[in-house]
N, C-alpha and C. Protein backbone atom coordinates (compact mmCIF):
# COMPACT_ATOMS: atom_id res chain seq x y z
N UNK A 1 68.62 -65.56 -174.80
CA UNK A 1 69.85 -64.45 -174.84
C UNK A 1 69.87 -64.35 -176.52
N UNK A 2 69.87 -63.10 -176.88
CA UNK A 2 69.78 -62.91 -178.40
C UNK A 2 71.22 -63.00 -179.08
N UNK A 3 70.89 -63.08 -180.55
CA UNK A 3 72.32 -62.79 -181.09
C UNK A 3 73.31 -62.10 -180.70
N UNK A 4 74.45 -62.41 -180.35
CA UNK A 4 75.75 -61.24 -179.77
C UNK A 4 76.00 -60.62 -181.25
N UNK A 5 75.95 -59.21 -181.37
CA UNK A 5 76.87 -58.78 -182.58
C UNK A 5 77.70 -57.61 -182.21
N UNK A 6 78.32 -57.32 -182.92
CA UNK A 6 79.77 -56.26 -182.57
C UNK A 6 79.14 -55.28 -182.16
N UNK A 7 77.93 -55.02 -182.08
CA UNK A 7 77.70 -53.69 -181.46
C UNK A 7 77.05 -53.86 -179.88
N UNK A 8 76.61 -54.93 -179.69
CA UNK A 8 76.45 -55.42 -178.41
C UNK A 8 77.45 -55.06 -177.36
N UNK A 9 76.92 -54.19 -176.03
CA UNK A 9 77.63 -54.04 -175.15
C UNK A 9 78.19 -55.06 -174.57
N UNK A 10 79.55 -55.03 -173.29
CA UNK A 10 80.01 -55.96 -173.17
C UNK A 10 79.10 -56.63 -172.00
N UNK A 11 78.54 -55.43 -171.12
CA UNK A 11 77.64 -55.87 -169.68
C UNK A 11 76.17 -56.57 -170.23
N UNK A 12 76.03 -56.78 -171.48
CA UNK A 12 74.46 -57.05 -172.13
C UNK A 12 75.42 -58.78 -171.85
N UNK A 13 76.36 -59.29 -172.24
CA UNK A 13 76.33 -60.92 -172.33
C UNK A 13 76.86 -61.49 -170.78
N UNK A 14 76.99 -60.70 -170.04
CA UNK A 14 77.75 -60.85 -168.99
C UNK A 14 77.00 -62.39 -168.17
N UNK A 15 75.91 -62.34 -168.16
CA UNK A 15 74.94 -63.45 -167.54
C UNK A 15 75.46 -64.62 -168.39
N UNK A 16 75.73 -65.08 -169.51
CA UNK A 16 76.20 -66.01 -170.12
C UNK A 16 77.60 -66.52 -169.97
N UNK A 17 77.49 -67.38 -169.03
CA UNK A 17 78.94 -68.02 -168.42
C UNK A 17 79.95 -68.55 -169.73
N UNK A 18 79.34 -68.84 -170.71
CA UNK A 18 80.08 -69.37 -171.74
C UNK A 18 80.85 -68.10 -172.68
N UNK A 19 80.02 -67.34 -172.67
CA UNK A 19 80.64 -65.68 -173.42
C UNK A 19 81.26 -65.26 -172.57
N UNK A 20 81.11 -64.97 -171.31
CA UNK A 20 82.50 -64.88 -170.68
C UNK A 20 83.63 -65.23 -170.25
N UNK A 21 83.36 -66.88 -170.59
CA UNK A 21 84.83 -67.54 -170.62
C UNK A 21 85.62 -67.54 -172.30
N UNK A 22 84.90 -67.17 -173.34
CA UNK A 22 85.57 -66.79 -173.89
C UNK A 22 86.36 -65.41 -174.10
N UNK A 23 85.56 -64.62 -173.78
CA UNK A 23 86.21 -63.07 -173.45
C UNK A 23 87.66 -63.35 -172.38
N UNK A 24 87.51 -64.26 -171.27
CA UNK A 24 88.39 -64.30 -170.44
C UNK A 24 89.66 -65.13 -171.14
N UNK A 25 89.63 -66.23 -171.71
CA UNK A 25 90.18 -67.06 -172.92
C UNK A 25 90.83 -66.03 -173.38
N UNK A 26 90.67 -65.09 -174.11
CA UNK A 26 90.96 -64.11 -174.78
C UNK A 26 91.91 -62.83 -174.57
N UNK A 27 92.27 -62.97 -172.79
CA UNK A 27 92.60 -61.59 -172.06
C UNK A 27 91.70 -60.85 -171.84
N UNK A 28 90.50 -60.73 -172.09
CA UNK A 28 89.36 -59.74 -171.96
C UNK A 28 88.48 -59.86 -170.69
N UNK A 29 89.14 -59.37 -169.45
CA UNK A 29 88.59 -59.69 -168.31
C UNK A 29 87.68 -58.27 -168.10
N UNK A 30 86.82 -58.49 -169.06
CA UNK A 30 85.71 -57.22 -168.98
C UNK A 30 85.12 -57.05 -168.07
N UNK A 31 84.49 -58.56 -167.05
CA UNK A 31 83.28 -58.36 -165.89
C UNK A 31 83.50 -57.25 -164.88
N UNK A 32 84.99 -57.01 -164.58
CA UNK A 32 85.57 -55.89 -163.56
C UNK A 32 85.88 -54.65 -163.95
N UNK A 33 85.52 -54.50 -165.73
CA UNK A 33 86.31 -53.21 -166.00
C UNK A 33 84.84 -51.86 -166.50
N UNK A 34 85.37 -50.64 -165.98
CA UNK A 34 84.34 -49.61 -165.80
C UNK A 34 84.03 -49.63 -167.27
N UNK A 35 84.71 -49.71 -168.53
CA UNK A 35 84.23 -49.57 -169.73
C UNK A 35 82.88 -50.49 -170.17
N UNK A 36 83.03 -51.72 -169.48
CA UNK A 36 81.99 -52.73 -169.74
C UNK A 36 80.48 -52.23 -170.08
N UNK A 37 79.99 -51.27 -169.58
CA UNK A 37 78.74 -50.53 -170.30
C UNK A 37 78.87 -49.92 -171.13
N UNK A 38 79.92 -49.19 -171.83
CA UNK A 38 80.05 -48.15 -172.55
C UNK A 38 80.81 -48.83 -173.94
N UNK A 39 81.55 -49.90 -173.66
CA UNK A 39 82.22 -50.40 -174.98
C UNK A 39 81.52 -51.27 -175.54
N UNK A 40 81.24 -51.46 -176.72
CA UNK A 40 80.87 -52.93 -177.93
C UNK A 40 81.93 -53.86 -177.95
N UNK A 41 81.60 -55.12 -178.47
CA UNK A 41 82.50 -55.97 -178.31
C UNK A 41 83.48 -55.76 -179.70
N UNK A 42 82.71 -55.07 -180.37
CA UNK A 42 84.19 -54.32 -181.40
C UNK A 42 85.18 -53.13 -181.16
N UNK A 43 84.60 -52.64 -180.54
CA UNK A 43 85.75 -51.77 -179.65
C UNK A 43 86.55 -52.46 -178.67
N UNK A 44 85.88 -53.46 -177.76
CA UNK A 44 86.99 -53.62 -177.16
C UNK A 44 87.98 -54.91 -177.78
N UNK A 45 87.20 -55.35 -178.92
CA UNK A 45 88.23 -56.41 -179.56
C UNK A 45 89.28 -55.59 -180.33
N UNK A 46 88.65 -54.19 -180.90
CA UNK A 46 89.99 -53.30 -181.40
C UNK A 46 91.21 -52.95 -180.45
N UNK A 47 90.56 -52.75 -179.24
CA UNK A 47 91.51 -52.30 -178.05
C UNK A 47 92.37 -53.18 -177.47
N UNK A 48 92.25 -54.81 -177.82
CA UNK A 48 92.85 -56.01 -177.26
C UNK A 48 93.35 -56.28 -178.93
N UNK A 49 93.60 -55.68 -179.74
CA UNK A 49 94.05 -56.49 -181.12
C UNK A 49 93.48 -57.62 -181.55
N UNK A 50 92.05 -57.81 -181.23
CA UNK A 50 91.60 -58.98 -181.84
C UNK A 50 90.60 -58.83 -183.03
N UNK A 51 90.36 -59.77 -183.77
CA UNK A 51 89.56 -59.62 -184.55
C UNK A 51 87.89 -59.75 -184.38
N UNK A 52 87.34 -58.43 -184.44
CA UNK A 52 85.73 -58.34 -183.91
C UNK A 52 84.81 -59.72 -184.91
N UNK A 53 84.88 -59.83 -186.16
CA UNK A 53 83.90 -60.59 -186.66
C UNK A 53 84.32 -62.07 -185.79
N UNK A 54 85.86 -62.10 -185.89
CA UNK A 54 85.68 -63.52 -184.91
C UNK A 54 85.74 -64.22 -183.75
N UNK A 55 85.62 -62.97 -183.11
CA UNK A 55 84.92 -62.71 -181.86
C UNK A 55 83.70 -62.93 -181.52
N UNK A 56 82.91 -62.12 -182.17
CA UNK A 56 81.55 -62.38 -182.29
C UNK A 56 80.92 -64.01 -182.67
N UNK A 57 81.99 -64.22 -183.81
CA UNK A 57 81.27 -65.68 -184.04
C UNK A 57 81.95 -66.76 -182.78
N UNK A 58 82.70 -66.32 -182.30
CA UNK A 58 82.85 -67.73 -181.18
C UNK A 58 82.21 -67.25 -179.72
N UNK A 59 81.79 -65.80 -179.83
CA UNK A 59 81.02 -65.50 -178.62
C UNK A 59 79.43 -66.49 -179.02
N UNK A 60 79.01 -66.56 -180.36
CA UNK A 60 77.70 -67.23 -180.56
C UNK A 60 77.98 -68.36 -180.59
N UNK A 61 78.96 -68.90 -181.03
CA UNK A 61 78.81 -70.31 -181.03
C UNK A 61 78.87 -71.20 -179.17
N UNK A 62 79.95 -70.43 -178.53
CA UNK A 62 79.56 -70.67 -177.07
C UNK A 62 78.40 -70.53 -176.23
N UNK A 63 77.98 -69.60 -176.58
CA UNK A 63 76.54 -68.93 -175.94
C UNK A 63 75.47 -70.27 -176.40
N UNK A 64 75.69 -71.02 -177.24
CA UNK A 64 74.76 -72.01 -177.72
C UNK A 64 75.27 -73.38 -177.44
N UNK A 65 76.54 -73.20 -176.41
CA UNK A 65 76.91 -74.43 -176.30
C UNK A 65 77.79 -75.24 -177.07
N UNK A 66 78.44 -74.54 -177.99
CA UNK A 66 79.05 -75.36 -179.25
C UNK A 66 80.97 -74.93 -178.75
N UNK A 67 81.30 -76.01 -178.59
CA UNK A 67 82.76 -76.14 -178.50
C UNK A 67 83.53 -74.98 -179.34
N UNK A 68 83.99 -74.01 -178.66
CA UNK A 68 84.97 -73.04 -179.61
C UNK A 68 86.74 -73.64 -179.88
N UNK A 69 87.33 -73.27 -180.50
CA UNK A 69 88.77 -73.18 -180.20
C UNK A 69 89.41 -72.79 -178.94
N UNK A 70 90.24 -73.47 -178.24
CA UNK A 70 90.59 -72.94 -177.07
C UNK A 70 90.06 -73.33 -176.08
N UNK A 71 88.70 -74.13 -175.98
CA UNK A 71 87.66 -74.59 -175.14
C UNK A 71 88.52 -75.76 -173.88
N UNK A 72 88.04 -75.50 -172.80
CA UNK A 72 88.37 -76.45 -171.85
C UNK A 72 87.33 -76.84 -171.36
N UNK A 73 87.64 -78.61 -171.29
CA UNK A 73 86.50 -79.29 -170.73
C UNK A 73 86.90 -79.63 -169.47
N UNK A 74 85.81 -79.39 -168.10
CA UNK A 74 86.10 -79.51 -166.99
C UNK A 74 85.32 -80.60 -166.33
N UNK A 75 85.92 -81.39 -165.46
CA UNK A 75 85.15 -82.45 -165.09
C UNK A 75 84.77 -82.13 -163.48
N UNK A 76 83.60 -82.80 -163.22
CA UNK A 76 83.38 -81.95 -162.21
C UNK A 76 82.85 -83.15 -161.12
N UNK A 77 83.87 -83.86 -160.18
CA UNK A 77 84.17 -84.96 -159.67
C UNK A 77 83.83 -84.88 -158.30
N UNK A 78 83.24 -85.61 -157.67
CA UNK A 78 82.77 -85.24 -156.22
C UNK A 78 83.01 -86.42 -155.47
């Protein structure tokens, strides 16, 4: 996946589980939102009262598998 930018549309990052998780942890449940294909990360961040630059930074860190603030580690024990 290419680098996420402020003008990236939400539906462009849905295939990345890490990026989806960052959005959900910040109250942005974009996966089911009808605006996801039209709205950029910057527009959505503004609508949710978030800093777009910080959100993009966290999305890119998570996309690369790095730990971000608020990350929860899950144990998959069977």
